[in-house]
């Protein structure tokens, strides 16, 4: 009888500990420490940009001569290109593939978590030397030595998403951060969290 009691007690302990380890259905864990995690310095972005990128464009003629090395990007099923005021919609092929991967992985992650389908918004892409000068007049925090001029770098908004309501944005930001951190760990990109600009600054590597 005492042996049977021990066996029953052991079974209960195993069952209870197993139940305690399961996540509650619908439970969502938010990403934390954006600035601490995504802190790849400009020097890293520039090193990768110079390795994979084009020669910085100083004129329309130079742009025409380098179009063969660039992919034009436009809104698609993976992402939305914002109205660009200080950049033009071109990236080197490696960066275009990375952007597509981020957009696809983001939507796949939303689906796996049971969240509504949304798209990321690209806010800045290739900048000419002239774009950088104009931007610096408007934004004193903009770097004169920008990785954007090499066509390897793009910005993705973290506070806005295509089709999203305001109350969704914190969860969407958390999902996007998980996607970027996964690719970052695979050494596919460098990422900087830009607090004032409301975006993730991303360079292919």
C-alpha atoms as a PDB file:
ATOM      1  CA  UNK A   1       0.000   0.000   0.000  1.00  0.00           C
ATOM      2  CA  UNK A   2       2.835   2.367   0.915  1.00  0.00           C
ATOM      3  CA  UNK A   3       4.615   1.564  -2.378  1.00  0.00           C
ATOM      4  CA  UNK A   4       1.437   2.350  -4.332  1.00  0.00           C
ATOM      5  CA  UNK A   5       1.170   5.686  -2.499  1.00  0.00           C
ATOM      6  CA  UNK A   6       4.755   6.594  -3.501  1.00  0.00           C
ATOM      7  CA  UNK A   7       4.019   5.727  -7.146  1.00  0.00           C
ATOM      8  CA  UNK A   8       0.857   7.872  -7.237  1.00  0.00           C
ATOM      9  CA  UNK A   9       2.703  10.806  -5.632  1.00  0.00           C
ATOM     10  CA  UNK A  10       5.556  10.550  -8.152  1.00  0.00           C
ATOM     11  CA  UNK A  11       3.112  10.523 -11.092  1.00  0.00           C
ATOM     12  CA  UNK A  12       1.322  13.630  -9.754  1.00  0.00           C
ATOM     13  CA  UNK A  13       4.619  15.491  -9.356  1.00  0.00           C
ATOM     14  CA  UNK A  14       5.595  14.737 -12.965  1.00  0.00           C
ATOM     15  CA  UNK A  15       2.196  15.785 -14.327  1.00  0.00           C
ATOM     16  CA  UNK A  16       2.076  19.015 -12.345  1.00  0.00           C
ATOM     17  CA  UNK A  17       5.625  20.032 -13.272  1.00  0.00           C
ATOM     18  CA  UNK A  18       4.907  19.332 -16.930  1.00  0.00           C
ATOM     19  CA  UNK A  19       1.788  21.490 -16.915  1.00  0.00           C
ATOM     20  CA  UNK A  20       3.605  24.309 -15.204  1.00  0.00           C
ATOM     21  CA  UNK A  21       6.182  24.470 -17.998  1.00  0.00           C
ATOM     22  CA  UNK A  22       3.663  25.068 -20.778  1.00  0.00           C
ATOM     23  CA  UNK A  23       2.914  28.554 -22.097  1.00  0.00           C
ATOM     24  CA  UNK A  24      -0.621  29.786 -21.867  1.00  0.00           C
ATOM     25  CA  UNK A  25      -2.438  29.801 -25.181  1.00  0.00           C
ATOM     26  CA  UNK A  26      -2.366  33.252 -26.761  1.00  0.00           C
ATOM     27  CA  UNK A  27       0.408  34.468 -24.434  1.00  0.00           C
ATOM     28  CA  UNK A  28       2.720  37.013 -26.111  1.00  0.00           C
ATOM     29  CA  UNK A  29       6.254  37.771 -24.971  1.00  0.00           C
ATOM     30  CA  UNK A  30       7.460  41.238 -25.897  1.00  0.00           C
ATOM     31  CA  UNK A  31      10.996  41.889 -27.112  1.00  0.00           C
ATOM     32  CA  UNK A  32      13.050  43.972 -24.671  1.00  0.00           C
ATOM     33  CA  UNK A  33      16.123  46.227 -24.765  1.00  0.00           C
ATOM     34  CA  UNK A  34      15.940  47.457 -28.368  1.00  0.00           C
ATOM     35  CA  UNK A  35      18.757  49.984 -28.002  1.00  0.00           C
ATOM     36  CA  UNK A  36      21.022  47.600 -26.117  1.00  0.00           C
ATOM     37  CA  UNK A  37      20.466  44.769 -28.615  1.00  0.00           C
ATOM     38  CA  UNK A  38      20.583  46.669 -31.914  1.00  0.00           C
ATOM     39  CA  UNK A  39      23.685  48.735 -31.325  1.00  0.00           C
ATOM     40  CA  UNK A  40      25.896  48.020 -34.347  1.00  0.00           C
ATOM     41  CA  UNK A  41      27.958  51.189 -34.769  1.00  0.00           C
ATOM     42  CA  UNK A  42      28.214  53.212 -37.976  1.00  0.00           C
ATOM     43  CA  UNK A  43      31.777  51.958 -38.495  1.00  0.00           C
ATOM     44  CA  UNK A  44      30.483  48.393 -38.909  1.00  0.00           C
ATOM     45  CA  UNK A  45      27.799  49.504 -41.350  1.00  0.00           C
ATOM     46  CA  UNK A  46      30.359  51.436 -43.386  1.00  0.00           C
ATOM     47  CA  UNK A  47      32.805  48.527 -43.504  1.00  0.00           C
ATOM     48  CA  UNK A  48      30.146  46.202 -44.918  1.00  0.00           C
ATOM     49  CA  UNK A  49      28.758  48.905 -47.219  1.00  0.00           C
ATOM     50  CA  UNK A  50      32.133  49.552 -48.807  1.00  0.00           C
ATOM     51  CA  UNK A  51      32.649  45.830 -49.314  1.00  0.00           C
ATOM     52  CA  UNK A  52      29.320  45.117 -51.024  1.00  0.00           C
ATOM     53  CA  UNK A  53      28.211  48.498 -52.333  1.00  0.00           C
ATOM     54  CA  UNK A  54      28.538  50.802 -55.301  1.00  0.00           C
ATOM     55  CA  UNK A  55      30.611  53.950 -55.636  1.00  0.00           C
ATOM     56  CA  UNK A  56      28.766  56.900 -54.011  1.00  0.00           C
ATOM     57  CA  UNK A  57      26.686  58.757 -56.606  1.00  0.00           C
ATOM     58  CA  UNK A  58      27.375  62.454 -57.090  1.00  0.00           C
ATOM     59  CA  UNK A  59      25.341  63.121 -60.255  1.00  0.00           C
ATOM     60  CA  UNK A  60      22.524  61.795 -62.452  1.00  0.00           C
ATOM     61  CA  UNK A  61      25.118  60.589 -64.962  1.00  0.00           C
ATOM     62  CA  UNK A  62      26.789  58.484 -62.272  1.00  0.00           C
ATOM     63  CA  UNK A  63      23.422  57.017 -61.317  1.00  0.00           C
ATOM     64  CA  UNK A  64      22.761  56.000 -64.924  1.00  0.00           C
ATOM     65  CA  UNK A  65      26.169  54.360 -65.163  1.00  0.00           C
ATOM     66  CA  UNK A  66      25.577  52.252 -62.034  1.00  0.00           C
ATOM     67  CA  UNK A  67      21.978  51.157 -62.606  1.00  0.00           C
ATOM     68  CA  UNK A  68      23.257  47.815 -63.902  1.00  0.00           C
ATOM     69  CA  UNK A  69      24.541  47.038 -60.402  1.00  0.00           C
ATOM     70  CA  UNK A  70      21.302  48.017 -58.670  1.00  0.00           C
ATOM     71  CA  UNK A  71      17.822  46.583 -58.182  1.00  0.00           C
ATOM     72  CA  UNK A  72      14.861  48.959 -58.169  1.00  0.00           C
ATOM     73  CA  UNK A  73      12.540  48.286 -55.263  1.00  0.00           C
ATOM     74  CA  UNK A  74       8.828  49.011 -55.087  1.00  0.00           C
ATOM     75  CA  UNK A  75       5.911  48.056 -52.874  1.00  0.00           C
ATOM     76  CA  UNK A  76       5.131  44.350 -53.120  1.00  0.00           C
ATOM     77  CA  UNK A  77       3.627  41.505 -51.100  1.00  0.00           C
ATOM     78  CA  UNK A  78       6.586  41.547 -48.702  1.00  0.00           C
ATOM     79  CA  UNK A  79       6.901  45.276 -47.899  1.00  0.00           C
ATOM     80  CA  UNK A  80       5.669  48.789 -48.674  1.00  0.00           C
ATOM     81  CA  UNK A  81       7.990  51.546 -49.869  1.00  0.00           C
ATOM     82  CA  UNK A  82       7.132  54.832 -48.176  1.00  0.00           C
ATOM     83  CA  UNK A  83       7.075  58.164 -49.981  1.00  0.00           C
ATOM     84  CA  UNK A  84      10.807  58.785 -50.303  1.00  0.00           C
ATOM     85  CA  UNK A  85      11.918  62.398 -49.819  1.00  0.00           C
ATOM     86  CA  UNK A  86      15.676  62.040 -49.316  1.00  0.00           C
ATOM     87  CA  UNK A  87      16.537  58.780 -51.084  1.00  0.00           C
ATOM     88  CA  UNK A  88      15.832  56.833 -54.267  1.00  0.00           C
ATOM     89  CA  UNK A  89      14.417  53.268 -54.491  1.00  0.00           C
ATOM     90  CA  UNK A  90      17.495  51.264 -55.408  1.00  0.00           C
ATOM     91  CA  UNK A  91      19.607  48.664 -53.602  1.00  0.00           C
ATOM     92  CA  UNK A  92      22.415  46.316 -54.548  1.00  0.00           C
ATOM     93  CA  UNK A  93      21.068  42.773 -55.168  1.00  0.00           C
ATOM     94  CA  UNK A  94      22.313  41.404 -51.819  1.00  0.00           C
ATOM     95  CA  UNK A  95      20.494  44.162 -49.925  1.00  0.00           C
ATOM     96  CA  UNK A  96      17.311  43.717 -51.988  1.00  0.00           C
ATOM     97  CA  UNK A  97      17.318  40.003 -51.139  1.00  0.00           C
ATOM     98  CA  UNK A  98      17.801  40.813 -47.451  1.00  0.00           C
ATOM     99  CA  UNK A  99      14.899  43.279 -47.482  1.00  0.00           C
ATOM    100  CA  UNK A 100      12.642  40.699 -49.150  1.00  0.00           C
ATOM    101  CA  UNK A 101      13.709  38.101 -46.581  1.00  0.00           C
ATOM    102  CA  UNK A 102      12.880  40.440 -43.701  1.00  0.00           C
ATOM    103  CA  UNK A 103       9.453  41.222 -45.129  1.00  0.00           C
ATOM    104  CA  UNK A 104       8.679  37.557 -45.802  1.00  0.00           C
ATOM    105  CA  UNK A 105       9.922  36.361 -42.405  1.00  0.00           C
ATOM    106  CA  UNK A 106       7.938  39.112 -40.681  1.00  0.00           C
ATOM    107  CA  UNK A 107       4.680  38.040 -42.313  1.00  0.00           C
ATOM    108  CA  UNK A 108       5.425  34.352 -41.639  1.00  0.00           C
ATOM    109  CA  UNK A 109       6.102  35.132 -37.982  1.00  0.00           C
ATOM    110  CA  UNK A 110       2.836  37.050 -37.666  1.00  0.00           C
ATOM    111  CA  UNK A 111       0.976  34.089 -39.117  1.00  0.00           C
ATOM    112  CA  UNK A 112       2.646  31.612 -36.751  1.00  0.00           C
ATOM    113  CA  UNK A 113       1.679  33.805 -33.774  1.00  0.00           C
ATOM    114  CA  UNK A 114      -1.926  34.152 -34.918  1.00  0.00           C
ATOM    115  CA  UNK A 115      -1.587  37.898 -35.525  1.00  0.00           C
ATOM    116  CA  UNK A 116      -3.151  39.851 -38.431  1.00  0.00           C
ATOM    117  CA  UNK A 117      -1.179  40.024 -41.671  1.00  0.00           C
ATOM    118  CA  UNK A 118       0.716  43.315 -41.921  1.00  0.00           C
ATOM    119  CA  UNK A 119       3.660  44.639 -43.945  1.00  0.00           C
ATOM    120  CA  UNK A 120       6.786  46.527 -42.950  1.00  0.00           C
ATOM    121  CA  UNK A 121       7.354  50.043 -44.311  1.00  0.00           C
ATOM    122  CA  UNK A 122      10.677  51.003 -45.918  1.00  0.00           C
ATOM    123  CA  UNK A 123      11.409  54.664 -45.177  1.00  0.00           C
ATOM    124  CA  UNK A 124      14.861  55.247 -46.699  1.00  0.00           C
ATOM    125  CA  UNK A 125      17.012  53.495 -49.286  1.00  0.00           C
ATOM    126  CA  UNK A 126      19.896  54.640 -51.541  1.00  0.00           C
ATOM    127  CA  UNK A 127      21.036  58.232 -50.992  1.00  0.00           C
ATOM    128  CA  UNK A 128      23.069  60.251 -53.447  1.00  0.00           C
ATOM    129  CA  UNK A 129      25.670  62.693 -52.131  1.00  0.00           C
ATOM    130  CA  UNK A 130      23.143  65.442 -52.868  1.00  0.00           C
ATOM    131  CA  UNK A 131      20.442  63.635 -50.845  1.00  0.00           C
ATOM    132  CA  UNK A 132      22.780  63.461 -47.852  1.00  0.00           C
ATOM    133  CA  UNK A 133      23.558  67.189 -48.013  1.00  0.00           C
ATOM    134  CA  UNK A 134      19.865  68.109 -48.181  1.00  0.00           C
ATOM    135  CA  UNK A 135      19.026  65.745 -45.330  1.00  0.00           C
ATOM    136  CA  UNK A 136      21.741  67.199 -43.112  1.00  0.00           C
ATOM    137  CA  UNK A 137      20.262  70.675 -43.565  1.00  0.00           C
ATOM    138  CA  UNK A 138      16.949  69.326 -42.293  1.00  0.00           C
ATOM    139  CA  UNK A 139      18.275  66.846 -39.723  1.00  0.00           C
ATOM    140  CA  UNK A 140      21.489  67.778 -37.908  1.00  0.00           C
ATOM    141  CA  UNK A 141      21.751  64.227 -36.532  1.00  0.00           C
ATOM    142  CA  UNK A 142      22.076  62.736 -40.022  1.00  0.00           C
ATOM    143  CA  UNK A 143      25.568  61.398 -40.668  1.00  0.00           C
ATOM    144  CA  UNK A 144      27.668  62.939 -43.434  1.00  0.00           C
ATOM    145  CA  UNK A 145      29.427  59.572 -43.703  1.00  0.00           C
ATOM    146  CA  UNK A 146      26.330  57.487 -44.418  1.00  0.00           C
ATOM    147  CA  UNK A 147      26.209  53.827 -45.422  1.00  0.00           C
ATOM    148  CA  UNK A 148      23.093  54.703 -47.444  1.00  0.00           C
ATOM    149  CA  UNK A 149      25.253  56.081 -50.284  1.00  0.00           C
ATOM    150  CA  UNK A 150      26.524  52.583 -51.128  1.00  0.00           C
ATOM    151  CA  UNK A 151      23.116  51.033 -51.889  1.00  0.00           C
ATOM    152  CA  UNK A 152      23.589  48.421 -49.169  1.00  0.00           C
ATOM    153  CA  UNK A 153      21.513  50.061 -46.486  1.00  0.00           C
ATOM    154  CA  UNK A 154      17.847  50.732 -45.811  1.00  0.00           C
ATOM    155  CA  UNK A 155      15.617  51.896 -42.970  1.00  0.00           C
ATOM    156  CA  UNK A 156      12.460  50.139 -41.770  1.00  0.00           C
ATOM    157  CA  UNK A 157       9.939  51.971 -39.593  1.00  0.00           C
ATOM    158  CA  UNK A 158       9.266  50.360 -36.222  1.00  0.00           C
ATOM    159  CA  UNK A 159       6.306  52.560 -35.231  1.00  0.00           C
ATOM    160  CA  UNK A 160       4.295  52.229 -38.468  1.00  0.00           C
ATOM    161  CA  UNK A 161       3.072  49.174 -40.406  1.00  0.00           C
ATOM    162  CA  UNK A 162       0.910  48.940 -43.486  1.00  0.00           C
ATOM    163  CA  UNK A 163      -2.700  48.334 -42.507  1.00  0.00           C
ATOM    164  CA  UNK A 164      -2.018  48.327 -38.755  1.00  0.00           C
ATOM    165  CA  UNK A 165      -4.062  50.031 -36.059  1.00  0.00           C
ATOM    166  CA  UNK A 166      -2.282  52.039 -33.364  1.00  0.00           C
ATOM    167  CA  UNK A 167      -2.903  49.420 -30.669  1.00  0.00           C
ATOM    168  CA  UNK A 168      -1.151  46.732 -32.746  1.00  0.00           C
ATOM    169  CA  UNK A 169       2.144  48.539 -33.156  1.00  0.00           C
ATOM    170  CA  UNK A 170       3.939  47.423 -29.976  1.00  0.00           C
ATOM    171  CA  UNK A 171       3.383  43.759 -30.825  1.00  0.00           C
ATOM    172  CA  UNK A 172       4.399  44.297 -34.441  1.00  0.00           C
ATOM    173  CA  UNK A 173       7.569  46.072 -33.339  1.00  0.00           C
ATOM    174  CA  UNK A 174       8.408  43.145 -31.082  1.00  0.00           C
ATOM    175  CA  UNK A 175       7.891  40.623 -33.896  1.00  0.00           C
ATOM    176  CA  UNK A 176      10.025  42.689 -36.295  1.00  0.00           C
ATOM    177  CA  UNK A 177      12.789  42.874 -33.686  1.00  0.00           C
ATOM    178  CA  UNK A 178      12.758  39.076 -33.318  1.00  0.00           C
ATOM    179  CA  UNK A 179      13.060  38.680 -37.091  1.00  0.00           C
ATOM    180  CA  UNK A 180      15.972  41.132 -37.282  1.00  0.00           C
ATOM    181  CA  UNK A 181      17.781  39.594 -34.342  1.00  0.00           C
ATOM    182  CA  UNK A 182      17.517  36.145 -35.917  1.00  0.00           C
ATOM    183  CA  UNK A 183      19.071  37.418 -39.177  1.00  0.00           C
ATOM    184  CA  UNK A 184      21.658  39.386 -37.232  1.00  0.00           C
ATOM    185  CA  UNK A 185      22.718  36.237 -35.352  1.00  0.00           C
ATOM    186  CA  UNK A 186      23.100  34.526 -38.727  1.00  0.00           C
ATOM    187  CA  UNK A 187      25.506  37.368 -39.665  1.00  0.00           C
ATOM    188  CA  UNK A 188      23.344  38.472 -42.563  1.00  0.00           C
ATOM    189  CA  UNK A 189      23.113  42.119 -41.475  1.00  0.00           C
ATOM    190  CA  UNK A 190      24.066  44.885 -39.076  1.00  0.00           C
ATOM    191  CA  UNK A 191      21.236  46.693 -37.297  1.00  0.00           C
ATOM    192  CA  UNK A 192      21.080  49.980 -35.419  1.00  0.00           C
ATOM    193  CA  UNK A 193      18.005  51.062 -33.467  1.00  0.00           C
ATOM    194  CA  UNK A 194      17.455  54.740 -34.256  1.00  0.00           C
ATOM    195  CA  UNK A 195      15.281  56.124 -31.481  1.00  0.00           C
ATOM    196  CA  UNK A 196      14.776  59.661 -32.806  1.00  0.00           C
ATOM    197  CA  UNK A 197      14.160  58.564 -36.396  1.00  0.00           C
ATOM    198  CA  UNK A 198      11.725  55.797 -35.437  1.00  0.00           C
ATOM    199  CA  UNK A 199      13.438  53.137 -37.550  1.00  0.00           C
ATOM    200  CA  UNK A 200      15.795  50.190 -37.706  1.00  0.00           C
ATOM    201  CA  UNK A 201      18.877  51.123 -39.781  1.00  0.00           C
ATOM    202  CA  UNK A 202      19.977  47.952 -41.599  1.00  0.00           C
ATOM    203  CA  UNK A 203      23.033  47.114 -43.717  1.00  0.00           C
ATOM    204  CA  UNK A 204      23.593  43.824 -45.537  1.00  0.00           C
ATOM    205  CA  UNK A 205      26.783  41.917 -44.729  1.00  0.00           C
END
